[in-house]
Amino acid sequence: MHLVNAQIQGLADGSLRGPEGFSAREHCDGCVECGAELSLYSALNGQLATLHDPPPPVDFTASVLAAVSVREVQLTSRRHTLLAAIPAAAIAVIAIVGWGFSASFHVDKLLESFAVARTIYGVLGPVFAATRVYLGVGAFLFLALVLTALSRTLKPTYAAES
């Protein structure tokens, strides 16, 4: 059984190591065909090692930086366009929904009731603040919460008698 090309190439470039590399080297020493392929790949590997990378063009860095700058401007422009389109889409959806609801009830009356509620809140707000109604309501809700928690921990009287 002969070695596959990947094993022979690994032997030639030195990437096949360890017990697998040792057994492959022994096989190539005993097999004429695999030994010939190994010498061919070793020669090719030697020739490839003598090649050098060509130097980059003089304006390579500047052209890459210019391309990155252009791409960054495009991405920023796309992001700004999207951010500008979101409020416009939201307004369009609100207008469509408002138009759809206007057939069943009048939106102007709904807006008028919000205006009236805002006026009442504006008038009564200082009164509530002066009389500290907010603190009273908060204290009442806290008391209700504490009493509810305590009532759940106590045993009912009919359960104690059983």
Protein backbone atom coordinates (compact mmCIF):
# COMPACT_ATOMS: atom_id res chain seq x y z
CA MET A 1 0.00 0.00 0.00
CA HIS A 2 1.43 3.38 -1.08
CA LEU A 3 1.33 6.72 0.73
CA VAL A 4 -1.11 9.39 -0.35
CA ASN A 5 0.13 12.66 -1.85
CA ALA A 6 -0.63 14.62 1.34
CA GLN A 7 1.64 12.34 3.38
CA ILE A 8 4.48 12.57 0.85
CA GLN A 9 4.14 16.35 0.64
CA GLY A 10 4.15 16.52 4.45
CA LEU A 11 7.40 14.57 4.52
CA ALA A 12 8.91 16.84 1.86
CA ASP A 13 8.07 20.11 3.62
CA GLY A 14 8.68 18.76 7.14
CA SER A 15 5.11 19.13 8.44
CA LEU A 16 4.57 15.35 8.87
CA ARG A 17 6.28 14.47 12.15
CA GLY A 18 6.07 12.08 15.02
CA PRO A 19 5.29 8.37 14.72
CA GLU A 20 3.26 8.90 11.53
CA GLY A 21 6.17 10.75 9.90
CA PHE A 22 8.63 8.10 11.04
CA SER A 23 6.57 5.25 9.56
CA ALA A 24 6.02 7.23 6.33
CA ARG A 25 9.80 7.85 6.06
CA GLU A 26 10.48 4.12 6.53
CA HIS A 27 7.91 3.31 3.82
CA CYS A 28 9.53 5.77 1.37
CA ASP A 29 12.95 4.24 2.04
CA GLY A 30 11.62 0.78 1.11
CA CYS A 31 9.19 1.74 -1.71
CA VAL A 32 10.69 2.87 -5.04
CA GLU A 33 7.55 4.74 -6.25
CA CYS A 34 6.96 6.63 -3.01
CA GLY A 35 10.68 7.39 -2.72
CA ALA A 36 10.69 8.88 -6.25
CA GLU A 37 7.66 11.04 -5.45
CA LEU A 38 9.29 12.17 -2.20
CA SER A 39 12.45 13.25 -4.04
CA LEU A 40 10.29 15.08 -6.62
CA TYR A 41 8.35 16.94 -3.93
CA SER A 42 11.54 17.69 -1.99
CA ALA A 43 13.10 19.25 -5.12
CA LEU A 44 9.93 21.27 -5.76
CA ASN A 45 9.88 22.41 -2.14
CA GLY A 46 13.52 23.53 -2.46
CA GLN A 47 12.75 25.54 -5.59
CA LEU A 48 9.70 27.14 -3.98
CA ALA A 49 11.81 28.13 -0.97
CA THR A 50 14.10 30.20 -3.21
CA LEU A 51 11.22 32.36 -4.44
CA HIS A 52 10.77 35.78 -2.87
CA ASP A 53 7.64 37.81 -2.52
CA PRO A 54 7.51 40.75 -4.91
CA PRO A 55 7.70 44.14 -3.23
CA PRO A 56 4.39 45.91 -2.90
CA PRO A 57 3.75 48.91 -5.13
CA VAL A 58 4.96 52.23 -3.81
CA ASP A 59 1.43 53.61 -3.42
CA PHE A 60 -0.01 50.39 -1.93
CA THR A 61 -0.50 51.71 1.62
CA ALA A 62 -1.96 54.99 0.41
CA SER A 63 -4.39 53.24 -1.94
CA VAL A 64 -5.53 50.82 0.78
CA LEU A 65 -6.05 53.68 3.24
CA ALA A 66 -7.97 55.64 0.60
CA ALA A 67 -10.20 52.62 -0.11
CA VAL A 68 -10.81 52.16 3.63
CA SER A 69 -11.68 55.85 3.95
CA VAL A 70 -14.14 55.66 1.05
CA ARG A 71 -15.76 52.55 2.54
CA GLU A 72 -16.03 54.21 5.95
CA VAL A 73 -17.76 57.23 4.38
CA GLN A 74 -20.19 54.88 2.59
CA LEU A 75 -20.99 53.03 5.82
CA THR A 76 -21.48 56.27 7.73
CA SER A 77 -23.77 57.60 5.01
CA ARG A 78 -25.79 54.38 5.00
CA ARG A 79 -26.09 54.48 8.80
CA HIS A 80 -27.26 58.11 8.76
CA THR A 81 -29.78 57.32 6.02
CA LEU A 82 -31.17 54.45 8.06
CA LEU A 83 -31.35 56.56 11.21
CA ALA A 84 -33.20 59.26 9.28
CA ALA A 85 -35.63 56.72 7.79
CA ILE A 86 -36.67 55.21 11.14
CA PRO A 87 -38.56 58.29 12.45
CA ALA A 88 -40.14 58.82 9.04
CA ALA A 89 -41.37 55.22 9.00
CA ALA A 90 -42.69 55.58 12.56
CA ILE A 91 -44.61 58.72 11.62
CA ALA A 92 -46.04 56.97 8.57
CA VAL A 93 -47.20 54.01 10.67
CA ILE A 94 -48.77 56.33 13.24
CA ALA A 95 -50.53 58.25 10.46
CA ILE A 96 -51.87 55.04 8.91
CA VAL A 97 -53.06 53.69 12.27
CA GLY A 98 -54.62 57.04 13.15
CA TRP A 99 -56.41 57.15 9.82
CA GLY A 100 -57.68 53.60 10.37
CA PHE A 101 -59.01 54.47 13.83
CA SER A 102 -60.63 57.66 12.64
CA ALA A 103 -63.27 55.58 10.88
CA SER A 104 -64.46 54.05 14.18
CA PHE A 105 -64.03 57.01 16.54
CA HIS A 106 -62.81 60.53 16.27
CA VAL A 107 -59.15 61.06 16.98
CA ASP A 108 -59.68 64.77 17.58
CA LYS A 109 -61.96 64.01 20.54
CA LEU A 110 -59.36 61.63 21.95
CA LEU A 111 -56.66 64.28 21.65
CA GLU A 112 -58.99 66.85 23.22
CA SER A 113 -59.58 64.56 26.23
CA PHE A 114 -55.80 64.22 26.67
CA ALA A 115 -55.49 68.01 26.59
CA VAL A 116 -58.22 68.36 29.23
CA ALA A 117 -56.55 65.71 31.43
CA ARG A 118 -53.24 67.53 31.09
CA THR A 119 -54.86 70.81 32.11
CA ILE A 120 -56.51 69.21 35.15
CA TYR A 121 -53.22 67.62 36.17
CA GLY A 122 -51.48 70.99 35.73
CA VAL A 123 -54.00 72.67 38.03
CA LEU A 124 -54.19 69.94 40.68
CA GLY A 125 -50.47 69.05 40.62
CA PRO A 126 -49.37 71.85 42.98
CA VAL A 127 -52.31 71.11 45.29
CA PHE A 128 -51.31 67.46 45.53
CA ALA A 129 -47.70 68.45 46.08
CA ALA A 130 -48.62 70.89 48.85
CA THR A 131 -50.84 68.38 50.66
CA ARG A 132 -48.34 65.56 50.09
CA VAL A 133 -50.96 63.25 48.62
CA TYR A 134 -48.20 61.33 46.87
CA LEU A 135 -46.61 60.41 50.20
CA GLY A 136 -49.98 59.37 51.61
CA VAL A 137 -50.78 57.17 48.62
CA GLY A 138 -47.30 55.63 48.73
CA ALA A 139 -47.56 54.97 52.47
CA PHE A 140 -50.99 53.39 52.01
CA LEU A 141 -49.71 51.09 49.27
CA PHE A 142 -46.71 50.12 51.41
CA LEU A 143 -49.00 49.39 54.37
CA ALA A 144 -51.23 47.25 52.16
CA LEU A 145 -48.20 45.33 50.91
CA VAL A 146 -46.86 44.71 54.44
CA LEU A 147 -50.25 43.65 55.77
CA THR A 148 -50.73 41.27 52.85
CA ALA A 149 -47.32 39.71 53.49
CA LEU A 150 -48.03 39.37 57.21
CA SER A 151 -51.48 37.89 56.68
CA ARG A 152 -50.00 35.13 54.53
CA THR A 153 -47.60 34.12 57.30
CA LEU A 154 -50.25 33.82 60.05
CA LYS A 155 -52.23 30.61 60.47
CA PRO A 156 -55.96 30.93 60.27
CA THR A 157 -57.70 30.38 63.64
CA TYR A 158 -59.76 27.44 62.35
CA ALA A 159 -56.56 25.65 61.27
CA ALA A 160 -55.03 25.97 64.78
CA GLU A 161 -58.01 24.21 66.42
CA SER A 162 -57.83 21.09 64.24
